[in-house]
Amino acid sequence: MDSFALDPVRALISRTRVAEMKSLGWRVVGPGEEGSFLMEGPETGGGPERLVQPLGSLFDDLIACALERADAIDRQLDQRAARHAA
């Protein structure tokens, strides 16, 4: 019993968006309030596939910022060295 079952997401979806949500893997569970259906979507926390991209892009952004700072510091040092040499 290393794994646990996740609860599927349930939401009231407007009738105009039912086709779109079905294409994303949701299914109609029953009638909802006026003008909507109760739908059940894919389980959340389905895990690493969803988290890989955001975390990867976060680290890519951090690395890009660090490289930009390093380049800016190098440019400043080169400018200072050029001023002192002249």
PDB file of N, CA and C in Angstrom:
ATOM      1  N   MET A   1       0.825  -1.187   0.000  1.00  0.00           N
ATOM      2  CA  MET A   1       0.000   0.000   0.000  1.00  0.00           C
ATOM      3  C   MET A   1       0.870   1.252   0.000  1.00  0.00           C
ATOM      4  N   ASP A   2       1.815   1.322  -0.914  1.00  0.00           N
ATOM      5  CA  ASP A   2       2.662   2.500  -1.004  1.00  0.00           C
ATOM      6  C   ASP A   2       1.961   3.666  -1.675  1.00  0.00           C
ATOM      7  N   SER A   3       0.947   3.395  -2.467  1.00  0.00           N
ATOM      8  CA  SER A   3       0.268   4.477  -3.177  1.00  0.00           C
ATOM      9  C   SER A   3      -1.099   4.714  -2.550  1.00  0.00           C
ATOM     10  N   PHE A   4      -1.675   5.862  -2.863  1.00  0.00           N
ATOM     11  CA  PHE A   4      -2.988   6.188  -2.361  1.00  0.00           C
ATOM     12  C   PHE A   4      -3.848   6.684  -3.516  1.00  0.00           C
ATOM     13  N   ALA A   5      -5.146   6.539  -3.373  1.00  0.00           N
ATOM     14  CA  ALA A   5      -6.070   6.946  -4.432  1.00  0.00           C
ATOM     15  C   ALA A   5      -6.372   8.428  -4.306  1.00  0.00           C
ATOM     16  N   LEU A   6      -6.367   9.103  -5.422  1.00  0.00           N
ATOM     17  CA  LEU A   6      -6.691  10.521  -5.440  1.00  0.00           C
ATOM     18  C   LEU A   6      -8.152  10.706  -5.835  1.00  0.00           C
ATOM     19  N   ASP A   7      -8.786  11.706  -5.281  1.00  0.00           N
ATOM     20  CA  ASP A   7     -10.166  12.004  -5.641  1.00  0.00           C
ATOM     21  C   ASP A   7     -10.191  12.762  -6.955  1.00  0.00           C
ATOM     22  N   PRO A   8     -11.102  12.378  -7.843  1.00  0.00           N
ATOM     23  CA  PRO A   8     -11.210  13.132  -9.095  1.00  0.00           C
ATOM     24  C   PRO A   8     -11.804  14.513  -8.834  1.00  0.00           C
ATOM     25  N   VAL A   9     -11.552  15.412  -9.730  1.00  0.00           N
ATOM     26  CA  VAL A   9     -12.065  16.772  -9.619  1.00  0.00           C
ATOM     27  C   VAL A   9     -13.483  16.797 -10.158  1.00  0.00           C
ATOM     28  N   ARG A  10     -14.386  17.405  -9.415  1.00  0.00           N
ATOM     29  CA  ARG A  10     -15.764  17.589  -9.873  1.00  0.00           C
ATOM     30  C   ARG A  10     -16.057  19.073  -9.883  1.00  0.00           C
ATOM     31  N   ALA A  11     -16.738  19.504 -10.945  1.00  0.00           N
ATOM     32  CA  ALA A  11     -17.056  20.925 -11.070  1.00  0.00           C
ATOM     33  C   ALA A  11     -18.310  21.113 -11.895  1.00  0.00           C
ATOM     34  N   LEU A  12     -18.982  22.230 -11.664  1.00  0.00           N
ATOM     35  CA  LEU A  12     -20.113  22.610 -12.498  1.00  0.00           C
ATOM     36  C   LEU A  12     -19.563  23.329 -13.720  1.00  0.00           C
ATOM     37  N   ILE A  13     -19.861  22.803 -14.890  1.00  0.00           N
ATOM     38  CA  ILE A  13     -19.342  23.347 -16.138  1.00  0.00           C
ATOM     39  C   ILE A  13     -20.507  23.860 -16.977  1.00  0.00           C
ATOM     40  N   SER A  14     -20.357  25.035 -17.519  1.00  0.00           N
ATOM     41  CA  SER A  14     -21.375  25.637 -18.374  1.00  0.00           C
ATOM     42  C   SER A  14     -21.641  24.754 -19.585  1.00  0.00           C
ATOM     43  N   ARG A  15     -22.894  24.732 -20.016  1.00  0.00           N
ATOM     44  CA  ARG A  15     -23.275  23.906 -21.174  1.00  0.00           C
ATOM     45  C   ARG A  15     -22.442  24.255 -22.413  1.00  0.00           C
ATOM     46  N   THR A  16     -22.059  25.497 -22.539  1.00  0.00           N
ATOM     47  CA  THR A  16     -21.308  25.913 -23.725  1.00  0.00           C
ATOM     48  C   THR A  16     -19.879  25.372 -23.732  1.00  0.00           C
ATOM     49  N   ARG A  17     -19.379  24.934 -22.587  1.00  0.00           N
ATOM     50  CA  ARG A  17     -18.001  24.453 -22.514  1.00  0.00           C
ATOM     51  C   ARG A  17     -17.892  22.941 -22.381  1.00  0.00           C
ATOM     52  N   VAL A  18     -19.010  22.225 -22.406  1.00  0.00           N
ATOM     53  CA  VAL A  18     -18.996  20.777 -22.203  1.00  0.00           C
ATOM     54  C   VAL A  18     -18.133  20.071 -23.255  1.00  0.00           C
ATOM     55  N   ALA A  19     -18.292  20.422 -24.523  1.00  0.00           N
ATOM     56  CA  ALA A  19     -17.510  19.771 -25.583  1.00  0.00           C
ATOM     57  C   ALA A  19     -16.010  19.995 -25.376  1.00  0.00           C
ATOM     58  N   GLU A  20     -15.653  21.212 -25.012  1.00  0.00           N
ATOM     59  CA  GLU A  20     -14.238  21.532 -24.771  1.00  0.00           C
ATOM     60  C   GLU A  20     -13.679  20.698 -23.617  1.00  0.00           C
ATOM     61  N   MET A  21     -14.448  20.596 -22.531  1.00  0.00           N
ATOM     62  CA  MET A  21     -13.981  19.850 -21.375  1.00  0.00           C
ATOM     63  C   MET A  21     -13.908  18.355 -21.668  1.00  0.00           C
ATOM     64  N   LYS A  22     -14.833  17.830 -22.468  1.00  0.00           N
ATOM     65  CA  LYS A  22     -14.768  16.416 -22.852  1.00  0.00           C
ATOM     66  C   LYS A  22     -13.492  16.135 -23.634  1.00  0.00           C
ATOM     67  N   SER A  23     -13.091  17.084 -24.475  1.00  0.00           N
ATOM     68  CA  SER A  23     -11.859  16.893 -25.246  1.00  0.00           C
ATOM     69  C   SER A  23     -10.621  16.892 -24.354  1.00  0.00           C
ATOM     70  N   LEU A  24     -10.755  17.456 -23.143  1.00  0.00           N
ATOM     71  CA  LEU A  24      -9.643  17.485 -22.188  1.00  0.00           C
ATOM     72  C   LEU A  24      -9.681  16.305 -21.213  1.00  0.00           C
ATOM     73  N   GLY A  25     -10.622  15.368 -21.454  1.00  0.00           N
ATOM     74  CA  GLY A  25     -10.663  14.175 -20.621  1.00  0.00           C
ATOM     75  C   GLY A  25     -11.710  14.194 -19.519  1.00  0.00           C
ATOM     76  N   TRP A  26     -12.551  15.199 -19.467  1.00  0.00           N
ATOM     77  CA  TRP A  26     -13.609  15.269 -18.465  1.00  0.00           C
ATOM     78  C   TRP A  26     -14.797  14.454 -18.945  1.00  0.00           C
ATOM     79  N   ARG A  27     -15.669  14.038 -18.007  1.00  0.00           N
ATOM     80  CA  ARG A  27     -16.883  13.324 -18.383  1.00  0.00           C
ATOM     81  C   ARG A  27     -18.059  13.910 -17.602  1.00  0.00           C
ATOM     82  N   VAL A  28     -19.238  13.814 -18.203  1.00  0.00           N
ATOM     83  CA  VAL A  28     -20.452  14.328 -17.577  1.00  0.00           C
ATOM     84  C   VAL A  28     -20.910  13.328 -16.526  1.00  0.00           C
ATOM     85  N   VAL A  29     -21.116  13.807 -15.298  1.00  0.00           N
ATOM     86  CA  VAL A  29     -21.568  12.963 -14.204  1.00  0.00           C
ATOM     87  C   VAL A  29     -23.089  13.078 -14.054  1.00  0.00           C
ATOM     88  N   GLY A  30     -23.613  14.260 -14.281  1.00  0.00           N
ATOM     89  CA  GLY A  30     -25.052  14.452 -14.145  1.00  0.00           C
ATOM     90  C   GLY A  30     -25.436  15.896 -14.372  1.00  0.00           C
ATOM     91  N   PRO A  31     -26.696  16.189 -14.212  1.00  0.00           N
ATOM     92  CA  PRO A  31     -27.138  17.572 -14.389  1.00  0.00           C
ATOM     93  C   PRO A  31     -26.637  18.437 -13.237  1.00  0.00           C
ATOM     94  N   GLY A  32     -26.411  19.680 -13.532  1.00  0.00           N
ATOM     95  CA  GLY A  32     -25.973  20.608 -12.498  1.00  0.00           C
ATOM     96  C   GLY A  32     -27.037  21.639 -12.254  1.00  0.00           C
ATOM     97  N   GLU A  33     -26.622  22.820 -11.937  1.00  0.00           N
ATOM     98  CA  GLU A  33     -27.558  23.917 -11.761  1.00  0.00           C
ATOM     99  C   GLU A  33     -28.032  24.371 -13.131  1.00  0.00           C
ATOM    100  N   GLU A  34     -28.847  25.375 -13.147  1.00  0.00           N
ATOM    101  CA  GLU A  34     -29.398  25.876 -14.411  1.00  0.00           C
ATOM    102  C   GLU A  34     -28.278  26.277 -15.371  1.00  0.00           C
ATOM    103  N   GLY A  35     -28.298  25.686 -16.562  1.00  0.00           N
ATOM    104  CA  GLY A  35     -27.317  26.023 -17.589  1.00  0.00           C
ATOM    105  C   GLY A  35     -25.964  25.364 -17.417  1.00  0.00           C
ATOM    106  N   SER A  36     -25.858  24.338 -16.580  1.00  0.00           N
ATOM    107  CA  SER A  36     -24.563  23.697 -16.390  1.00  0.00           C
ATOM    108  C   SER A  36     -24.730  22.196 -16.168  1.00  0.00           C
ATOM    109  N   PHE A  37     -23.603  21.496 -16.265  1.00  0.00           N
ATOM    110  CA  PHE A  37     -23.546  20.063 -15.993  1.00  0.00           C
ATOM    111  C   PHE A  37     -22.519  19.829 -14.902  1.00  0.00           C
ATOM    112  N   LEU A  38     -22.739  18.788 -14.118  1.00  0.00           N
ATOM    113  CA  LEU A  38     -21.730  18.363 -13.161  1.00  0.00           C
ATOM    114  C   LEU A  38     -20.788  17.449 -13.918  1.00  0.00           C
ATOM    115  N   MET A  39     -19.513  17.815 -13.937  1.00  0.00           N
ATOM    116  CA  MET A  39     -18.529  17.028 -14.679  1.00  0.00           C
ATOM    117  C   MET A  39     -17.412  16.591 -13.755  1.00  0.00           C
ATOM    118  N   GLU A  40     -16.778  15.486 -14.144  1.00  0.00           N
ATOM    119  CA  GLU A  40     -15.672  14.924 -13.386  1.00  0.00           C
ATOM    120  C   GLU A  40     -14.445  14.923 -14.286  1.00  0.00           C
ATOM    121  N   GLY A  41     -13.368  15.464 -13.770  1.00  0.00           N
ATOM    122  CA  GLY A  41     -12.158  15.573 -14.568  1.00  0.00           C
ATOM    123  C   GLY A  41     -11.098  14.596 -14.156  1.00  0.00           C
ATOM    124  N   PRO A  42      -9.999  14.622 -14.875  1.00  0.00           N
ATOM    125  CA  PRO A  42      -8.871  13.743 -14.562  1.00  0.00           C
ATOM    126  C   PRO A  42      -8.381  14.015 -13.143  1.00  0.00           C
ATOM    127  N   GLU A  43      -7.835  12.990 -12.515  1.00  0.00           N
ATOM    128  CA  GLU A  43      -7.330  13.147 -11.160  1.00  0.00           C
ATOM    129  C   GLU A  43      -6.199  14.163 -11.137  1.00  0.00           C
ATOM    130  N   THR A  44      -6.243  15.026 -10.150  1.00  0.00           N
ATOM    131  CA  THR A  44      -5.155  15.992  -9.994  1.00  0.00           C
ATOM    132  C   THR A  44      -4.007  15.316  -9.271  1.00  0.00           C
ATOM    133  N   GLY A  45      -2.869  15.917  -9.324  1.00  0.00           N
ATOM    134  CA  GLY A  45      -1.725  15.351  -8.653  1.00  0.00           C
ATOM    135  C   GLY A  45      -1.266  14.081  -9.329  1.00  0.00           C
ATOM    136  N   GLY A  46      -1.668  13.906 -10.583  1.00  0.00           N
ATOM    137  CA  GLY A  46      -1.275  12.756 -11.340  1.00  0.00           C
ATOM    138  C   GLY A  46       0.203  12.786 -11.529  1.00  0.00           C
ATOM    139  N   GLY A  47       0.783  13.768 -11.020  1.00  0.00           N
ATOM    140  CA  GLY A  47       2.121  13.792 -10.600  1.00  0.00           C
ATOM    141  C   GLY A  47       3.179  14.417 -11.432  1.00  0.00           C
ATOM    142  N   PRO A  48       4.271  13.717 -11.509  1.00  0.00           N
ATOM    143  CA  PRO A  48       5.476  14.305 -12.040  1.00  0.00           C
ATOM    144  C   PRO A  48       5.328  14.877 -13.440  1.00  0.00           C
ATOM    145  N   GLU A  49       4.475  14.302 -14.280  1.00  0.00           N
ATOM    146  CA  GLU A  49       4.352  14.832 -15.638  1.00  0.00           C
ATOM    147  C   GLU A  49       3.914  16.287 -15.621  1.00  0.00           C
ATOM    148  N   ARG A  50       3.040  16.621 -14.692  1.00  0.00           N
ATOM    149  CA  ARG A  50       2.555  17.992 -14.621  1.00  0.00           C
ATOM    150  C   ARG A  50       3.563  18.917 -13.963  1.00  0.00           C
ATOM    151  N   LEU A  51       4.369  18.394 -13.072  1.00  0.00           N
ATOM    152  CA  LEU A  51       5.296  19.239 -12.337  1.00  0.00           C
ATOM    153  C   LEU A  51       6.642  19.402 -13.034  1.00  0.00           C
ATOM    154  N   VAL A  52       6.990  18.503 -13.923  1.00  0.00           N
ATOM    155  CA  VAL A  52       8.306  18.563 -14.557  1.00  0.00           C
ATOM    156  C   VAL A  52       8.487  19.871 -15.316  1.00  0.00           C
ATOM    157  N   GLN A  53       7.522  20.232 -16.142  1.00  0.00           N
ATOM    158  CA  GLN A  53       7.674  21.430 -16.955  1.00  0.00           C
ATOM    159  C   GLN A  53       7.739  22.713 -16.121  1.00  0.00           C
ATOM    160  N   PRO A  54       6.797  22.947 -15.188  1.00  0.00           N
ATOM    161  CA  PRO A  54       6.904  24.187 -14.413  1.00  0.00           C
ATOM    162  C   PRO A  54       8.201  24.284 -13.622  1.00  0.00           C
ATOM    163  N   LEU A  55       8.624  23.178 -12.990  1.00  0.00           N
ATOM    164  CA  LEU A  55       9.863  23.241 -12.227  1.00  0.00           C
ATOM    165  C   LEU A  55      11.060  23.399 -13.149  1.00  0.00           C
ATOM    166  N   GLY A  56      11.033  22.699 -14.271  1.00  0.00           N
ATOM    167  CA  GLY A  56      12.132  22.835 -15.225  1.00  0.00           C
ATOM    168  C   GLY A  56      12.236  24.251 -15.744  1.00  0.00           C
ATOM    169  N   SER A  57      11.101  24.852 -16.059  1.00  0.00           N
ATOM    170  CA  SER A  57      11.127  26.219 -16.575  1.00  0.00           C
ATOM    171  C   SER A  57      11.544  27.195 -15.485  1.00  0.00           C
ATOM    172  N   LEU A  58      11.197  26.900 -14.222  1.00  0.00           N
ATOM    173  CA  LEU A  58      11.620  27.750 -13.118  1.00  0.00           C
ATOM    174  C   LEU A  58      13.138  27.765 -13.026  1.00  0.00           C
ATOM    175  N   PHE A  59      13.746  26.577 -13.073  1.00  0.00           N
ATOM    176  CA  PHE A  59      15.196  26.511 -12.995  1.00  0.00           C
ATOM    177  C   PHE A  59      15.847  27.130 -14.226  1.00  0.00           C
ATOM    178  N   ASP A  60      15.230  26.950 -15.396  1.00  0.00           N
ATOM    179  CA  ASP A  60      15.755  27.595 -16.602  1.00  0.00           C
ATOM    180  C   ASP A  60      15.758  29.113 -16.443  1.00  0.00           C
ATOM    181  N   ASP A  61      14.677  29.660 -15.876  1.00  0.00           N
ATOM    182  CA  ASP A  61      14.598  31.102 -15.650  1.00  0.00           C
ATOM    183  C   ASP A  61      15.655  31.559 -14.652  1.00  0.00           C
ATOM    184  N   LEU A  62      15.844  30.801 -13.576  1.00  0.00           N
ATOM    185  CA  LEU A  62      16.849  31.173 -12.575  1.00  0.00           C
ATOM    186  C   LEU A  62      18.254  31.147 -13.172  1.00  0.00           C
ATOM    187  N   ILE A  63      18.527  30.129 -13.964  1.00  0.00           N
ATOM    188  CA  ILE A  63      19.846  30.038 -14.599  1.00  0.00           C
ATOM    189  C   ILE A  63      20.045  31.177 -15.585  1.00  0.00           C
ATOM    190  N   ALA A  64      19.006  31.495 -16.359  1.00  0.00           N
ATOM    191  CA  ALA A  64      19.102  32.602 -17.313  1.00  0.00           C
ATOM    192  C   ALA A  64      19.370  33.921 -16.589  1.00  0.00           C
ATOM    193  N   CYS A  65      18.688  34.147 -15.459  1.00  0.00           N
ATOM    194  CA  CYS A  65      18.916  35.381 -14.684  1.00  0.00           C
ATOM    195  C   CYS A  65      20.343  35.430 -14.151  1.00  0.00           C
ATOM    196  N   ALA A  66      20.830  34.302 -13.654  1.00  0.00           N
ATOM    197  CA  ALA A  66      22.194  34.256 -13.118  1.00  0.00           C
ATOM    198  C   ALA A  66      23.215  34.539 -14.219  1.00  0.00           C
ATOM    199  N   LEU A  67      22.987  33.981 -15.407  1.00  0.00           N
ATOM    200  CA  LEU A  67      23.912  34.235 -16.515  1.00  0.00           C
ATOM    201  C   LEU A  67      23.861  35.695 -16.962  1.00  0.00           C
ATOM    202  N   GLU A  68      22.677  36.285 -16.972  1.00  0.00           N
ATOM    203  CA  GLU A  68      22.559  37.705 -17.332  1.00  0.00           C
ATOM    204  C   GLU A  68      23.307  38.573 -16.337  1.00  0.00           C
ATOM    205  N   ARG A  69      23.171  38.260 -15.030  1.00  0.00           N
ATOM    206  CA  ARG A  69      23.902  39.031 -14.006  1.00  0.00           C
ATOM    207  C   ARG A  69      25.409  38.877 -14.182  1.00  0.00           C
ATOM    208  N   ALA A  70      25.851  37.658 -14.442  1.00  0.00           N
ATOM    209  CA  ALA A  70      27.281  37.424 -14.631  1.00  0.00           C
ATOM    210  C   ALA A  70      27.798  38.188 -15.843  1.00  0.00           C
ATOM    211  N   ASP A  71      27.029  38.193 -16.933  1.00  0.00           N
ATOM    212  CA  ASP A  71      27.429  38.949 -18.124  1.00  0.00           C
ATOM    213  C   ASP A  71      27.487  40.442 -17.829  1.00  0.00           C
ATOM    214  N   ALA A  72      26.519  40.952 -17.070  1.00  0.00           N
ATOM    215  CA  ALA A  72      26.506  42.380 -16.724  1.00  0.00           C
ATOM    216  C   ALA A  72      27.726  42.735 -15.874  1.00  0.00           C
ATOM    217  N   ILE A  73      28.075  41.877 -14.928  1.00  0.00           N
ATOM    218  CA  ILE A  73      29.256  42.119 -14.088  1.00  0.00           C
ATOM    219  C   ILE A  73      30.513  42.084 -14.939  1.00  0.00           C
ATOM    220  N   ASP A  74      30.615  41.142 -15.863  1.00  0.00           N
ATOM    221  CA  ASP A  74      31.777  41.082 -16.767  1.00  0.00           C
ATOM    222  C   ASP A  74      31.895  42.354 -17.593  1.00  0.00           C
ATOM    223  N   ARG A  75      30.770  42.855 -18.115  1.00  0.00           N
ATOM    224  CA  ARG A  75      30.803  44.092 -18.902  1.00  0.00           C
ATOM    225  C   ARG A  75      31.279  45.266 -18.055  1.00  0.00           C
ATOM    226  N   GLN A  76      30.784  45.355 -16.809  1.00  0.00           N
ATOM    227  CA  GLN A  76      31.206  46.442 -15.922  1.00  0.00           C
ATOM    228  C   GLN A  76      32.703  46.354 -15.635  1.00  0.00           C
ATOM    229  N   LEU A  77      33.186  45.157 -15.378  1.00  0.00           N
ATOM    230  CA  LEU A  77      34.612  44.989 -15.103  1.00  0.00           C
ATOM    231  C   LEU A  77      35.457  45.344 -16.316  1.00  0.00           C
ATOM    232  N   ASP A  78      34.992  44.962 -17.513  1.00  0.00           N
ATOM    233  CA  ASP A  78      35.716  45.311 -18.747  1.00  0.00           C
ATOM    234  C   ASP A  78      35.744  46.818 -18.953  1.00  0.00           C
ATOM    235  N   GLN A  79      34.609  47.491 -18.669  1.00  0.00           N
ATOM    236  CA  GLN A  79      34.558  48.946 -18.826  1.00  0.00           C
ATOM    237  C   GLN A  79      35.499  49.629 -17.833  1.00  0.00           C
ATOM    238  N   ARG A  80      35.521  49.151 -16.588  1.00  0.00           N
ATOM    239  CA  ARG A  80      36.423  49.724 -15.592  1.00  0.00           C
ATOM    240  C   ARG A  80      37.873  49.520 -15.973  1.00  0.00           C
ATOM    241  N   ALA A  81      38.179  48.327 -16.455  1.00  0.00           N
ATOM    242  CA  ALA A  81      39.559  48.043 -16.852  1.00  0.00           C
ATOM    243  C   ALA A  81      39.966  48.920 -18.040  1.00  0.00           C
ATOM    244  N   ALA A  82      39.035  49.149 -18.963  1.00  0.00           N
ATOM    245  CA  ALA A  82      39.329  49.993 -20.126  1.00  0.00           C
ATOM    246  C   ALA A  82      39.552  51.441 -19.675  1.00  0.00           C
ATOM    247  N   ARG A  83      38.769  51.924 -18.715  1.00  0.00           N
ATOM    248  CA  ARG A  83      38.949  53.312 -18.209  1.00  0.00           C
ATOM    249  C   ARG A  83      40.278  53.477 -17.484  1.00  0.00           C
ATOM    250  N   HIS A  84      40.653  52.487 -16.714  1.00  0.00           N
ATOM    251  CA  HIS A  84      41.917  52.579 -15.954  1.00  0.00           C
ATOM    252  C   HIS A  84      43.115  52.413 -16.857  1.00  0.00           C
ATOM    253  N   ALA A  85      42.983  51.704 -17.955  1.00  0.00           N
ATOM    254  CA  ALA A  85      44.086  51.495 -18.891  1.00  0.00           C
ATOM    255  C   ALA A  85      44.315  52.732 -19.748  1.00  0.00           C
ATOM    256  N   ALA A  86      43.271  53.528 -19.933  1.00  0.00           N
ATOM    257  CA  ALA A  86      43.403  54.702 -20.815  1.00  0.00           C
ATOM    258  C   ALA A  86      44.035  55.872 -20.140  1.00  0.00           C
TER     259      ALA A  86
END
